[in-house]
Amino acid sequence: MKVIWYGHACFWVETNGVKILIDPYPEVDDDRIGEVDYILITHEHTDHYGKVELLSRLRDATVIGPKQVYLMAVADGVTKVREIEAGQTIELENGVKVTAIYVEHPSSQYPLGYLIEGDKRLLHPGDTYAGPVFQRLRGKVDILLVPISGRSTANAREATQIVEDVRPRVVIPMHYGVYNDADPSKLAEELRKRRIWVLFREPKLYEEMSF
């Protein structure tokens, strides 16, 4: 599995030859984003939905998101769009599956996270706080992308609880560096304090990570 961080909560993931973009925010440098087959949107807020209309058209990609995202995309003229609900699994191609997970984000109407299963299993929980849903995902996630901003989402301490509940092999912090100055090293420190032994990867913009 290949993973590239484009800032904030925006990631590009390639698994089994399927290329997936998640949560392209308005200021994302779309010129750096290569081929995309599917665009996953966790919820309707601008900092996650931002460039859906443009990128879906330029990359001829299918947009997948919860009800509000589906309605917004249709209103924006997106023709390749699918609605997904919490608990639903969509099979893409080449054995790749996406399962929608309900997460805690009270300011959103239909907040979702996504478990992407291909040659590895990656969880992007969108904007969320710690909650019981993550305990049910223990042992089912190889790579966890976890928000740390503390603004309408988990801070470093809450993110550590999510990591403890999920017990992934790899943790990558997100939701910082564009709209806030949260420090990913605080998450690494919290993990050490609680003796949670996972591979911590602080992402660098546009750098490809392989797992």
N, C-alpha and C. Protein backbone atom coordinates (compact mmCIF):
# COMPACT_ATOMS: atom_id res chain seq x y z
N MET A 1 0.84 -1.20 0.00
CA MET A 1 0.00 0.00 0.00
C MET A 1 0.88 1.25 0.00
N LYS A 2 0.53 2.22 -0.84
CA LYS A 2 1.24 3.49 -0.90
C LYS A 2 0.33 4.58 -0.35
N VAL A 3 0.93 5.49 0.44
CA VAL A 3 0.17 6.56 1.08
C VAL A 3 0.93 7.87 0.91
N ILE A 4 0.22 8.92 0.48
CA ILE A 4 0.81 10.26 0.38
C ILE A 4 -0.10 11.24 1.10
N TRP A 5 0.53 12.09 1.93
CA TRP A 5 -0.21 13.13 2.66
C TRP A 5 -0.12 14.43 1.88
N TYR A 6 -1.28 15.06 1.67
CA TYR A 6 -1.36 16.34 0.97
C TYR A 6 -1.74 17.49 1.89
N GLY A 7 -1.59 17.27 3.19
CA GLY A 7 -1.93 18.30 4.16
C GLY A 7 -3.30 18.09 4.74
N HIS A 8 -3.49 18.60 5.97
CA HIS A 8 -4.76 18.51 6.70
C HIS A 8 -5.19 17.04 6.80
N ALA A 9 -6.38 16.70 6.29
CA ALA A 9 -6.85 15.31 6.36
C ALA A 9 -6.86 14.66 4.98
N CYS A 10 -6.14 15.25 4.04
CA CYS A 10 -6.15 14.77 2.65
C CYS A 10 -5.02 13.78 2.41
N PHE A 11 -5.40 12.58 1.99
CA PHE A 11 -4.44 11.53 1.68
C PHE A 11 -4.78 10.89 0.34
N TRP A 12 -3.74 10.43 -0.33
CA TRP A 12 -3.87 9.61 -1.54
C TRP A 12 -3.37 8.23 -1.18
N VAL A 13 -4.16 7.23 -1.51
CA VAL A 13 -3.84 5.85 -1.17
C VAL A 13 -3.92 4.99 -2.42
N GLU A 14 -2.91 4.16 -2.65
CA GLU A 14 -2.97 3.19 -3.73
C GLU A 14 -2.84 1.79 -3.15
N THR A 15 -3.78 0.94 -3.47
CA THR A 15 -3.74 -0.45 -3.02
C THR A 15 -4.31 -1.34 -4.11
N ASN A 16 -3.61 -2.40 -4.43
CA ASN A 16 -4.01 -3.32 -5.50
C ASN A 16 -4.28 -2.58 -6.81
N GLY A 17 -3.54 -1.51 -7.05
CA GLY A 17 -3.68 -0.75 -8.29
C GLY A 17 -4.83 0.24 -8.30
N VAL A 18 -5.61 0.31 -7.21
CA VAL A 18 -6.73 1.24 -7.12
C VAL A 18 -6.26 2.50 -6.40
N LYS A 19 -6.54 3.65 -7.00
CA LYS A 19 -6.04 4.94 -6.48
C LYS A 19 -7.20 5.73 -5.87
N ILE A 20 -7.04 6.04 -4.58
CA ILE A 20 -8.11 6.66 -3.81
C ILE A 20 -7.61 7.96 -3.19
N LEU A 21 -8.38 9.03 -3.34
CA LEU A 21 -8.09 10.31 -2.70
C LEU A 21 -9.13 10.55 -1.62
N ILE A 22 -8.68 11.04 -0.45
CA ILE A 22 -9.58 11.25 0.67
C ILE A 22 -9.55 12.72 1.09
N ASP A 23 -10.71 13.32 1.23
CA ASP A 23 -10.91 14.65 1.80
C ASP A 23 -10.01 15.75 1.24
N PRO A 24 -10.15 16.08 -0.05
CA PRO A 24 -9.36 17.18 -0.64
C PRO A 24 -9.89 18.55 -0.20
N TYR A 25 -9.16 19.23 0.66
CA TYR A 25 -9.56 20.52 1.20
C TYR A 25 -9.36 21.62 0.15
N PRO A 26 -9.93 22.82 0.34
CA PRO A 26 -9.92 23.84 -0.71
C PRO A 26 -8.54 24.25 -1.20
N GLU A 27 -7.56 24.33 -0.30
CA GLU A 27 -6.24 24.84 -0.67
C GLU A 27 -5.27 23.74 -1.11
N VAL A 28 -5.73 22.51 -1.21
CA VAL A 28 -4.82 21.43 -1.58
C VAL A 28 -4.19 21.70 -2.95
N ASP A 29 -2.91 21.38 -3.08
CA ASP A 29 -2.20 21.59 -4.34
C ASP A 29 -2.57 20.46 -5.31
N ASP A 30 -3.63 20.67 -6.05
CA ASP A 30 -4.15 19.59 -6.90
C ASP A 30 -3.21 19.26 -8.05
N ASP A 31 -2.30 20.17 -8.41
CA ASP A 31 -1.34 19.87 -9.47
C ASP A 31 -0.39 18.74 -9.08
N ARG A 32 -0.24 18.51 -7.78
CA ARG A 32 0.65 17.44 -7.31
C ARG A 32 -0.05 16.09 -7.20
N ILE A 33 -1.36 16.09 -7.35
CA ILE A 33 -2.13 14.86 -7.23
C ILE A 33 -2.21 14.17 -8.58
N GLY A 34 -1.77 12.93 -8.63
CA GLY A 34 -1.77 12.19 -9.88
C GLY A 34 -3.11 11.55 -10.19
N GLU A 35 -3.08 10.34 -10.71
CA GLU A 35 -4.31 9.65 -11.08
C GLU A 35 -5.15 9.32 -9.85
N VAL A 36 -6.46 9.42 -10.02
CA VAL A 36 -7.39 9.11 -8.95
C VAL A 36 -8.58 8.36 -9.55
N ASP A 37 -8.91 7.23 -8.96
CA ASP A 37 -10.08 6.47 -9.40
C ASP A 37 -11.31 6.80 -8.57
N TYR A 38 -11.11 7.00 -7.27
CA TYR A 38 -12.22 7.27 -6.34
C TYR A 38 -11.83 8.38 -5.39
N ILE A 39 -12.81 9.21 -5.03
CA ILE A 39 -12.62 10.25 -4.02
C ILE A 39 -13.56 9.96 -2.87
N LEU A 40 -13.01 9.69 -1.69
CA LEU A 40 -13.82 9.44 -0.50
C LEU A 40 -13.91 10.72 0.31
N ILE A 41 -15.12 11.08 0.71
CA ILE A 41 -15.33 12.27 1.53
C ILE A 41 -15.97 11.83 2.84
N THR A 42 -15.35 12.22 3.97
CA THR A 42 -15.83 11.75 5.26
C THR A 42 -17.08 12.50 5.73
N HIS A 43 -17.18 13.78 5.40
CA HIS A 43 -18.35 14.57 5.79
C HIS A 43 -18.38 15.87 5.00
N GLU A 44 -19.43 16.65 5.22
CA GLU A 44 -19.75 17.76 4.33
C GLU A 44 -18.98 19.05 4.59
N HIS A 45 -18.19 19.15 5.62
CA HIS A 45 -17.51 20.41 5.94
C HIS A 45 -16.50 20.79 4.85
N THR A 46 -16.37 22.09 4.62
CA THR A 46 -15.57 22.59 3.51
C THR A 46 -14.12 22.11 3.55
N ASP A 47 -13.56 21.99 4.76
CA ASP A 47 -12.15 21.60 4.85
C ASP A 47 -11.92 20.12 4.52
N HIS A 48 -13.00 19.42 4.17
CA HIS A 48 -12.89 18.02 3.73
C HIS A 48 -13.49 17.82 2.33
N TYR A 49 -14.49 18.63 2.02
CA TYR A 49 -15.18 18.51 0.73
C TYR A 49 -14.57 19.40 -0.34
N GLY A 50 -13.92 20.48 0.07
CA GLY A 50 -13.42 21.58 -0.74
C GLY A 50 -13.29 21.45 -2.24
N LYS A 51 -12.40 20.55 -2.72
CA LYS A 51 -12.11 20.49 -4.16
C LYS A 51 -12.72 19.27 -4.85
N VAL A 52 -13.82 18.79 -4.32
CA VAL A 52 -14.45 17.61 -4.91
C VAL A 52 -14.86 17.85 -6.35
N GLU A 53 -15.56 18.93 -6.58
CA GLU A 53 -16.09 19.18 -7.93
C GLU A 53 -14.96 19.26 -8.96
N LEU A 54 -13.92 20.00 -8.64
CA LEU A 54 -12.81 20.18 -9.57
C LEU A 54 -12.06 18.87 -9.81
N LEU A 55 -11.68 18.19 -8.74
CA LEU A 55 -10.85 17.00 -8.89
C LEU A 55 -11.62 15.82 -9.48
N SER A 56 -12.89 15.70 -9.17
CA SER A 56 -13.67 14.61 -9.76
C SER A 56 -13.75 14.78 -11.27
N ARG A 57 -13.84 16.04 -11.71
CA ARG A 57 -13.91 16.31 -13.15
C ARG A 57 -12.54 16.13 -13.82
N LEU A 58 -11.51 16.69 -13.21
CA LEU A 58 -10.18 16.61 -13.81
C LEU A 58 -9.64 15.19 -13.85
N ARG A 59 -9.94 14.39 -12.84
CA ARG A 59 -9.40 13.02 -12.76
C ARG A 59 -10.41 11.97 -13.19
N ASP A 60 -11.62 12.40 -13.57
CA ASP A 60 -12.68 11.46 -13.96
C ASP A 60 -12.87 10.40 -12.88
N ALA A 61 -12.96 10.86 -11.63
CA ALA A 61 -13.03 9.97 -10.48
C ALA A 61 -14.47 9.89 -9.95
N THR A 62 -14.79 8.76 -9.35
CA THR A 62 -16.09 8.57 -8.71
C THR A 62 -16.03 9.05 -7.28
N VAL A 63 -16.97 9.90 -6.89
CA VAL A 63 -17.04 10.43 -5.53
C VAL A 63 -17.93 9.51 -4.69
N ILE A 64 -17.47 9.20 -3.48
CA ILE A 64 -18.23 8.39 -2.55
C ILE A 64 -18.31 9.13 -1.22
N GLY A 65 -19.53 9.28 -0.69
CA GLY A 65 -19.67 10.00 0.57
C GLY A 65 -21.04 9.80 1.18
N PRO A 66 -21.24 10.30 2.41
CA PRO A 66 -22.54 10.19 3.08
C PRO A 66 -23.59 11.06 2.41
N LYS A 67 -24.80 10.98 2.89
CA LYS A 67 -25.96 11.59 2.23
C LYS A 67 -25.75 13.06 1.90
N GLN A 68 -25.31 13.87 2.86
CA GLN A 68 -25.14 15.29 2.62
C GLN A 68 -24.10 15.55 1.54
N VAL A 69 -23.02 14.78 1.55
CA VAL A 69 -21.98 14.91 0.52
C VAL A 69 -22.54 14.54 -0.84
N TYR A 70 -23.31 13.47 -0.89
CA TYR A 70 -23.93 13.05 -2.15
C TYR A 70 -24.79 14.17 -2.73
N LEU A 71 -25.62 14.79 -1.88
CA LEU A 71 -26.50 15.86 -2.35
C LEU A 71 -25.70 17.07 -2.81
N MET A 72 -24.64 17.41 -2.09
CA MET A 72 -23.80 18.54 -2.47
C MET A 72 -23.10 18.28 -3.80
N ALA A 73 -22.60 17.06 -3.98
CA ALA A 73 -21.89 16.73 -5.21
C ALA A 73 -22.83 16.79 -6.42
N VAL A 74 -24.02 16.26 -6.25
CA VAL A 74 -25.01 16.31 -7.34
C VAL A 74 -25.34 17.76 -7.68
N ALA A 75 -25.52 18.59 -6.65
CA ALA A 75 -25.82 20.01 -6.87
C ALA A 75 -24.66 20.72 -7.57
N ASP A 76 -23.44 20.24 -7.35
CA ASP A 76 -22.26 20.84 -7.98
C ASP A 76 -21.99 20.28 -9.37
N GLY A 77 -22.87 19.42 -9.85
CA GLY A 77 -22.73 18.89 -11.20
C GLY A 77 -21.87 17.65 -11.32
N VAL A 78 -21.52 17.03 -10.20
CA VAL A 78 -20.74 15.79 -10.24
C VAL A 78 -21.65 14.66 -10.70
N THR A 79 -21.28 13.96 -11.75
CA THR A 79 -22.13 12.92 -12.31
C THR A 79 -21.76 11.52 -11.83
N LYS A 80 -20.50 11.33 -11.43
CA LYS A 80 -20.07 10.02 -10.93
C LYS A 80 -19.98 10.11 -9.41
N VAL A 81 -21.06 9.76 -8.74
CA VAL A 81 -21.13 9.91 -7.29
C VAL A 81 -21.99 8.80 -6.70
N ARG A 82 -21.57 8.27 -5.56
CA ARG A 82 -22.31 7.22 -4.87
C ARG A 82 -22.48 7.60 -3.40
N GLU A 83 -23.66 7.30 -2.87
CA GLU A 83 -23.90 7.53 -1.45
C GLU A 83 -23.53 6.27 -0.67
N ILE A 84 -23.00 6.47 0.54
CA ILE A 84 -22.65 5.36 1.41
C ILE A 84 -23.13 5.68 2.82
N GLU A 85 -23.56 4.64 3.55
CA GLU A 85 -24.05 4.81 4.91
C GLU A 85 -23.14 4.06 5.88
N ALA A 86 -23.20 4.46 7.14
CA ALA A 86 -22.42 3.79 8.17
C ALA A 86 -22.77 2.30 8.19
N GLY A 87 -21.75 1.46 8.21
CA GLY A 87 -21.94 0.02 8.22
C GLY A 87 -21.97 -0.61 6.84
N GLN A 88 -22.04 0.22 5.81
CA GLN A 88 -22.12 -0.29 4.44
C GLN A 88 -20.72 -0.51 3.87
N THR A 89 -20.57 -1.57 3.09
CA THR A 89 -19.32 -1.86 2.40
C THR A 89 -19.54 -1.77 0.90
N ILE A 90 -18.65 -1.06 0.22
CA ILE A 90 -18.68 -0.97 -1.24
C ILE A 90 -17.44 -1.65 -1.79
N GLU A 91 -17.63 -2.56 -2.71
CA GLU A 91 -16.51 -3.21 -3.38
C GLU A 91 -16.13 -2.37 -4.59
N LEU A 92 -14.88 -1.97 -4.65
CA LEU A 92 -14.41 -1.14 -5.76
C LEU A 92 -13.96 -2.03 -6.91
N GLU A 93 -12.71 -2.39 -6.95
CA GLU A 93 -12.19 -3.30 -7.97
C GLU A 93 -10.91 -3.93 -7.45
N ASN A 94 -10.46 -4.96 -8.11
CA ASN A 94 -9.21 -5.65 -7.74
C ASN A 94 -9.20 -6.10 -6.28
N GLY A 95 -10.37 -6.44 -5.76
CA GLY A 95 -10.46 -6.92 -4.39
C GLY A 95 -10.44 -5.85 -3.33
N VAL A 96 -10.48 -4.58 -3.72
CA VAL A 96 -10.44 -3.47 -2.76
C VAL A 96 -11.86 -3.17 -2.28
N LYS A 97 -12.00 -3.04 -0.95
CA LYS A 97 -13.29 -2.74 -0.35
C LYS A 97 -13.18 -1.50 0.54
N VAL A 98 -14.29 -0.76 0.61
CA VAL A 98 -14.38 0.41 1.49
C VAL A 98 -15.60 0.22 2.39
N THR A 99 -15.38 0.28 3.70
CA THR A 99 -16.47 0.18 4.66
C THR A 99 -16.60 1.50 5.40
N ALA A 100 -17.83 2.02 5.47
CA ALA A 100 -18.09 3.27 6.17
C ALA A 100 -18.31 3.00 7.65
N ILE A 101 -17.64 3.79 8.50
CA ILE A 101 -17.71 3.65 9.95
C ILE A 101 -18.29 4.91 10.55
N TYR A 102 -19.31 4.79 11.38
CA TYR A 102 -19.85 5.98 12.05
C TYR A 102 -18.84 6.47 13.09
N VAL A 103 -18.59 7.79 13.10
CA VAL A 103 -17.65 8.38 14.06
C VAL A 103 -18.33 9.53 14.80
N GLU A 104 -17.66 10.01 15.88
CA GLU A 104 -18.20 11.07 16.73
C GLU A 104 -17.73 12.44 16.23
N HIS A 105 -18.61 13.15 15.54
CA HIS A 105 -18.31 14.51 15.09
C HIS A 105 -19.63 15.28 15.10
N PRO A 106 -20.05 15.78 16.28
CA PRO A 106 -21.41 16.31 16.46
C PRO A 106 -21.81 17.42 15.52
N SER A 107 -20.86 18.20 15.00
CA SER A 107 -21.23 19.32 14.13
C SER A 107 -21.52 18.89 12.70
N SER A 108 -21.40 17.60 12.40
CA SER A 108 -21.70 17.08 11.06
C SER A 108 -22.99 16.27 11.10
N GLN A 109 -23.72 16.28 9.99
CA GLN A 109 -24.97 15.52 9.93
C GLN A 109 -24.74 14.01 9.79
N TYR A 110 -23.77 13.64 8.96
CA TYR A 110 -23.53 12.22 8.70
C TYR A 110 -22.02 11.94 8.71
N PRO A 111 -21.36 12.08 9.85
CA PRO A 111 -19.91 11.88 9.86
C PRO A 111 -19.52 10.42 9.69
N LEU A 112 -18.54 10.18 8.86
CA LEU A 112 -18.08 8.82 8.60
C LEU A 112 -16.56 8.75 8.66
N GLY A 113 -16.07 7.56 8.96
CA GLY A 113 -14.69 7.19 8.71
C GLY A 113 -14.71 6.08 7.67
N TYR A 114 -13.55 5.77 7.11
CA TYR A 114 -13.49 4.73 6.08
C TYR A 114 -12.39 3.72 6.39
N LEU A 115 -12.76 2.46 6.36
CA LEU A 115 -11.80 1.37 6.43
C LEU A 115 -11.58 0.88 5.00
N ILE A 116 -10.37 1.10 4.50
CA ILE A 116 -10.01 0.68 3.15
C ILE A 116 -9.23 -0.62 3.24
N GLU A 117 -9.72 -1.66 2.58
CA GLU A 117 -9.08 -2.96 2.63
C GLU A 117 -8.59 -3.37 1.25
N GLY A 118 -7.28 -3.57 1.16
CA GLY A 118 -6.66 -4.04 -0.06
C GLY A 118 -5.53 -4.96 0.32
N ASP A 119 -4.30 -4.64 -0.09
CA ASP A 119 -3.16 -5.44 0.36
C ASP A 119 -2.82 -5.14 1.82
N LYS A 120 -3.30 -4.00 2.34
CA LYS A 120 -3.26 -3.65 3.76
C LYS A 120 -4.62 -3.07 4.13
N ARG A 121 -4.82 -2.83 5.41
CA ARG A 121 -6.08 -2.26 5.89
C ARG A 121 -5.78 -0.89 6.52
N LEU A 122 -6.36 0.14 5.94
CA LEU A 122 -6.11 1.51 6.39
C LEU A 122 -7.41 2.14 6.86
N LEU A 123 -7.35 2.81 8.02
CA LEU A 123 -8.51 3.50 8.56
C LEU A 123 -8.28 5.00 8.55
N HIS A 124 -9.18 5.72 7.87
CA HIS A 124 -9.24 7.18 7.91
C HIS A 124 -10.53 7.53 8.63
N PRO A 125 -10.46 7.99 9.90
CA PRO A 125 -11.69 8.23 10.66
C PRO A 125 -12.29 9.61 10.49
N GLY A 126 -11.76 10.41 9.56
CA GLY A 126 -12.29 11.75 9.39
C GLY A 126 -12.09 12.57 10.64
N ASP A 127 -13.04 13.47 10.92
CA ASP A 127 -13.02 14.25 12.16
C ASP A 127 -13.72 13.43 13.23
N THR A 128 -13.04 13.13 14.32
CA THR A 128 -13.66 12.30 15.34
C THR A 128 -13.03 12.52 16.69
N TYR A 129 -13.77 12.15 17.70
CA TYR A 129 -13.25 12.03 19.05
C TYR A 129 -13.12 10.54 19.36
N ALA A 130 -12.52 10.23 20.49
CA ALA A 130 -12.47 8.83 20.92
C ALA A 130 -13.89 8.34 21.20
N GLY A 131 -14.13 7.07 20.95
CA GLY A 131 -15.46 6.50 21.16
C GLY A 131 -15.43 4.99 21.09
N PRO A 132 -16.50 4.34 21.49
CA PRO A 132 -16.53 2.88 21.55
C PRO A 132 -16.37 2.20 20.20
N VAL A 133 -16.66 2.90 19.11
CA VAL A 133 -16.53 2.28 17.78
C VAL A 133 -15.12 1.78 17.55
N PHE A 134 -14.14 2.45 18.10
CA PHE A 134 -12.75 2.08 17.81
C PHE A 134 -12.34 0.78 18.50
N GLN A 135 -12.94 0.49 19.63
CA GLN A 135 -12.66 -0.78 20.29
C GLN A 135 -13.10 -1.95 19.42
N ARG A 136 -14.16 -1.73 18.67
CA ARG A 136 -14.67 -2.81 17.80
C ARG A 136 -13.79 -3.02 16.57
N LEU A 137 -12.87 -2.09 16.34
CA LEU A 137 -11.98 -2.21 15.18
C LEU A 137 -10.62 -2.79 15.56
N ARG A 138 -10.45 -3.15 16.81
CA ARG A 138 -9.16 -3.68 17.26
C ARG A 138 -8.81 -4.95 16.47
N GLY A 139 -7.59 -4.98 15.96
CA GLY A 139 -7.13 -6.13 15.19
C GLY A 139 -7.54 -6.11 13.73
N LYS A 140 -8.25 -5.07 13.31
CA LYS A 140 -8.74 -5.01 11.94
C LYS A 140 -8.06 -3.92 11.11
N VAL A 141 -7.07 -3.22 11.71
CA VAL A 141 -6.46 -2.07 11.05
C VAL A 141 -4.94 -2.21 11.08
N ASP A 142 -4.31 -2.06 9.92
CA ASP A 142 -2.85 -2.03 9.85
C ASP A 142 -2.31 -0.61 9.99
N ILE A 143 -2.95 0.34 9.31
CA ILE A 143 -2.48 1.73 9.26
C ILE A 143 -3.62 2.63 9.72
N LEU A 144 -3.37 3.41 10.76
CA LEU A 144 -4.37 4.33 11.30
C LEU A 144 -3.94 5.77 11.06
N LEU A 145 -4.79 6.53 10.38
CA LEU A 145 -4.62 7.97 10.24
C LEU A 145 -5.47 8.60 11.34
N VAL A 146 -4.87 9.41 12.21
CA VAL A 146 -5.63 9.87 13.37
C VAL A 146 -5.52 11.39 13.53
N PRO A 147 -6.66 12.08 13.72
CA PRO A 147 -6.65 13.54 13.87
C PRO A 147 -6.08 13.95 15.22
N ILE A 148 -5.37 15.09 15.25
CA ILE A 148 -4.73 15.54 16.49
C ILE A 148 -4.99 17.00 16.80
N SER A 149 -5.78 17.70 16.02
CA SER A 149 -5.86 19.16 16.14
C SER A 149 -6.51 19.63 17.43
N GLY A 150 -7.47 18.88 17.95
CA GLY A 150 -8.19 19.32 19.13
C GLY A 150 -9.25 20.36 18.86
N ARG A 151 -9.47 20.66 17.61
CA ARG A 151 -10.51 21.61 17.22
C ARG A 151 -11.62 20.86 16.50
N SER A 152 -12.71 20.63 17.20
CA SER A 152 -13.83 19.83 16.69
C SER A 152 -13.40 18.42 16.35
N THR A 153 -12.31 17.99 16.93
CA THR A 153 -11.81 16.63 16.70
C THR A 153 -10.84 16.29 17.83
N ALA A 154 -10.31 15.08 17.81
CA ALA A 154 -9.43 14.63 18.88
C ALA A 154 -8.18 15.49 19.00
N ASN A 155 -7.69 15.66 20.24
CA ASN A 155 -6.37 16.23 20.46
C ASN A 155 -5.39 15.07 20.64
N ALA A 156 -4.15 15.39 20.98
CA ALA A 156 -3.13 14.34 21.08
C ALA A 156 -3.49 13.27 22.10
N ARG A 157 -4.04 13.69 23.23
CA ARG A 157 -4.39 12.71 24.28
C ARG A 157 -5.54 11.81 23.84
N GLU A 158 -6.57 12.42 23.23
CA GLU A 158 -7.70 11.61 22.75
C GLU A 158 -7.27 10.72 21.59
N ALA A 159 -6.38 11.23 20.74
CA ALA A 159 -5.87 10.42 19.64
C ALA A 159 -5.13 9.19 20.17
N THR A 160 -4.43 9.38 21.29
CA THR A 160 -3.72 8.24 21.90
C THR A 160 -4.71 7.17 22.35
N GLN A 161 -5.86 7.60 22.88
CA GLN A 161 -6.89 6.63 23.26
C GLN A 161 -7.41 5.87 22.05
N ILE A 162 -7.59 6.58 20.94
CA ILE A 162 -8.03 5.91 19.71
C ILE A 162 -7.00 4.87 19.28
N VAL A 163 -5.73 5.24 19.35
CA VAL A 163 -4.67 4.29 18.97
C VAL A 163 -4.69 3.08 19.89
N GLU A 164 -4.85 3.31 21.19
CA GLU A 164 -4.88 2.20 22.14
C GLU A 164 -6.06 1.27 21.85
N ASP A 165 -7.20 1.85 21.48
CA ASP A 165 -8.38 1.03 21.20
C ASP A 165 -8.22 0.22 19.92
N VAL A 166 -7.65 0.85 18.90
CA VAL A 166 -7.55 0.18 17.59
C VAL A 166 -6.37 -0.79 17.54
N ARG A 167 -5.25 -0.42 18.13
CA ARG A 167 -4.02 -1.21 18.11
C ARG A 167 -3.55 -1.51 16.69
N PRO A 168 -3.32 -0.47 15.88
CA PRO A 168 -2.80 -0.69 14.52
C PRO A 168 -1.31 -0.99 14.58
N ARG A 169 -0.73 -1.32 13.45
CA ARG A 169 0.73 -1.48 13.37
C ARG A 169 1.41 -0.13 13.16
N VAL A 170 0.74 0.77 12.41
CA VAL A 170 1.32 2.06 12.04
C VAL A 170 0.33 3.17 12.38
N VAL A 171 0.84 4.27 12.92
CA VAL A 171 0.02 5.45 13.21
C VAL A 171 0.59 6.65 12.47
N ILE A 172 -0.29 7.37 11.77
CA ILE A 172 0.11 8.58 11.05
C ILE A 172 -0.81 9.72 11.50
N PRO A 173 -0.28 10.78 12.12
CA PRO A 173 -1.14 11.89 12.55
C PRO A 173 -1.62 12.71 11.36
N MET A 174 -2.79 13.35 11.53
CA MET A 174 -3.35 14.18 10.47
C MET A 174 -4.18 15.30 11.09
N HIS A 175 -4.80 16.10 10.24
CA HIS A 175 -5.67 17.21 10.63
C HIS A 175 -4.87 18.27 11.38
N TYR A 176 -3.75 18.67 10.80
CA TYR A 176 -2.93 19.74 11.35
C TYR A 176 -2.11 20.34 10.20
N GLY A 177 -1.48 21.48 10.46
CA GLY A 177 -0.54 22.04 9.52
C GLY A 177 -1.11 22.95 8.46
N VAL A 178 -2.43 23.03 8.33
CA VAL A 178 -3.05 23.93 7.36
C VAL A 178 -3.91 24.96 8.09
N TYR A 179 -4.85 24.48 8.91
CA TYR A 179 -5.75 25.38 9.63
C TYR A 179 -5.40 25.49 11.11
N ASN A 180 -4.40 24.78 11.57
CA ASN A 180 -3.98 24.87 12.97
C ASN A 180 -2.52 24.43 13.07
N ASP A 181 -1.92 24.67 14.21
CA ASP A 181 -0.51 24.36 14.39
C ASP A 181 -0.29 23.24 15.41
N ALA A 182 -1.19 22.29 15.47
CA ALA A 182 -1.03 21.15 16.37
C ALA A 182 0.31 20.46 16.10
N ASP A 183 0.93 19.95 17.16
CA ASP A 183 2.26 19.37 17.08
C ASP A 183 2.19 17.83 17.12
N PRO A 184 2.54 17.16 16.04
CA PRO A 184 2.47 15.69 16.04
C PRO A 184 3.39 15.04 17.05
N SER A 185 4.44 15.74 17.46
CA SER A 185 5.35 15.15 18.45
C SER A 185 4.65 14.93 19.79
N LYS A 186 3.58 15.69 20.06
CA LYS A 186 2.83 15.48 21.30
C LYS A 186 2.11 14.14 21.29
N LEU A 187 1.66 13.72 20.12
CA LEU A 187 1.06 12.38 20.02
C LEU A 187 2.12 11.32 20.27
N ALA A 188 3.28 11.49 19.66
CA ALA A 188 4.36 10.52 19.88
C ALA A 188 4.73 10.44 21.36
N GLU A 189 4.74 11.60 22.04
CA GLU A 189 5.06 11.63 23.46
C GLU A 189 4.00 10.91 24.29
N GLU A 190 2.73 11.16 23.96
CA GLU A 190 1.65 10.49 24.68
C GLU A 190 1.70 8.98 24.49
N LEU A 191 2.02 8.54 23.30
CA LEU A 191 2.13 7.10 23.04
C LEU A 191 3.24 6.48 23.89
N ARG A 192 4.36 7.18 24.00
CA ARG A 192 5.46 6.69 24.83
C ARG A 192 5.06 6.63 26.30
N LYS A 193 4.39 7.68 26.77
CA LYS A 193 3.98 7.73 28.17
C LYS A 193 3.09 6.55 28.53
N ARG A 194 2.21 6.19 27.62
CA ARG A 194 1.26 5.12 27.89
C ARG A 194 1.76 3.76 27.42
N ARG A 195 3.01 3.73 26.97
CA ARG A 195 3.66 2.49 26.55
C ARG A 195 2.83 1.75 25.49
N ILE A 196 2.40 2.52 24.51
CA ILE A 196 1.68 1.94 23.36
C ILE A 196 2.69 1.83 22.23
N TRP A 197 3.10 0.63 21.94
CA TRP A 197 4.21 0.42 21.01
C TRP A 197 3.69 0.17 19.60
N VAL A 198 3.67 1.22 18.83
CA VAL A 198 3.29 1.15 17.42
C VAL A 198 4.34 1.91 16.62
N LEU A 199 4.36 1.71 15.31
CA LEU A 199 5.26 2.47 14.45
C LEU A 199 4.62 3.83 14.21
N PHE A 200 5.26 4.89 14.69
CA PHE A 200 4.76 6.25 14.52
C PHE A 200 5.45 6.88 13.32
N ARG A 201 4.64 7.31 12.34
CA ARG A 201 5.19 7.95 11.15
C ARG A 201 4.64 9.36 11.04
N GLU A 202 5.50 10.35 11.24
CA GLU A 202 5.08 11.72 11.01
C GLU A 202 5.19 12.00 9.52
N PRO A 203 4.08 12.31 8.86
CA PRO A 203 4.13 12.45 7.40
C PRO A 203 4.81 13.74 6.96
N LYS A 204 5.42 13.69 5.81
CA LYS A 204 5.95 14.89 5.17
C LYS A 204 5.14 15.14 3.91
N LEU A 205 4.83 16.39 3.66
CA LEU A 205 4.00 16.74 2.51
C LEU A 205 4.55 16.11 1.22
N TYR A 206 3.68 15.44 0.50
CA TYR A 206 3.94 14.91 -0.84
C TYR A 206 4.93 13.73 -0.85
N GLU A 207 5.37 13.27 0.30
CA GLU A 207 6.30 12.16 0.35
C GLU A 207 5.54 10.83 0.35
N GLU A 208 5.92 9.94 -0.55
CA GLU A 208 5.25 8.64 -0.63
C GLU A 208 5.77 7.71 0.45
N MET A 209 4.84 7.13 1.19
CA MET A 209 5.15 6.14 2.21
C MET A 209 4.64 4.79 1.73
N SER A 210 5.45 3.77 1.84
CA SER A 210 5.07 2.43 1.39
C SER A 210 4.99 1.49 2.59
N PHE A 211 3.95 0.66 2.59
CA PHE A 211 3.73 -0.29 3.68
C PHE A 211 3.43 -1.69 3.12
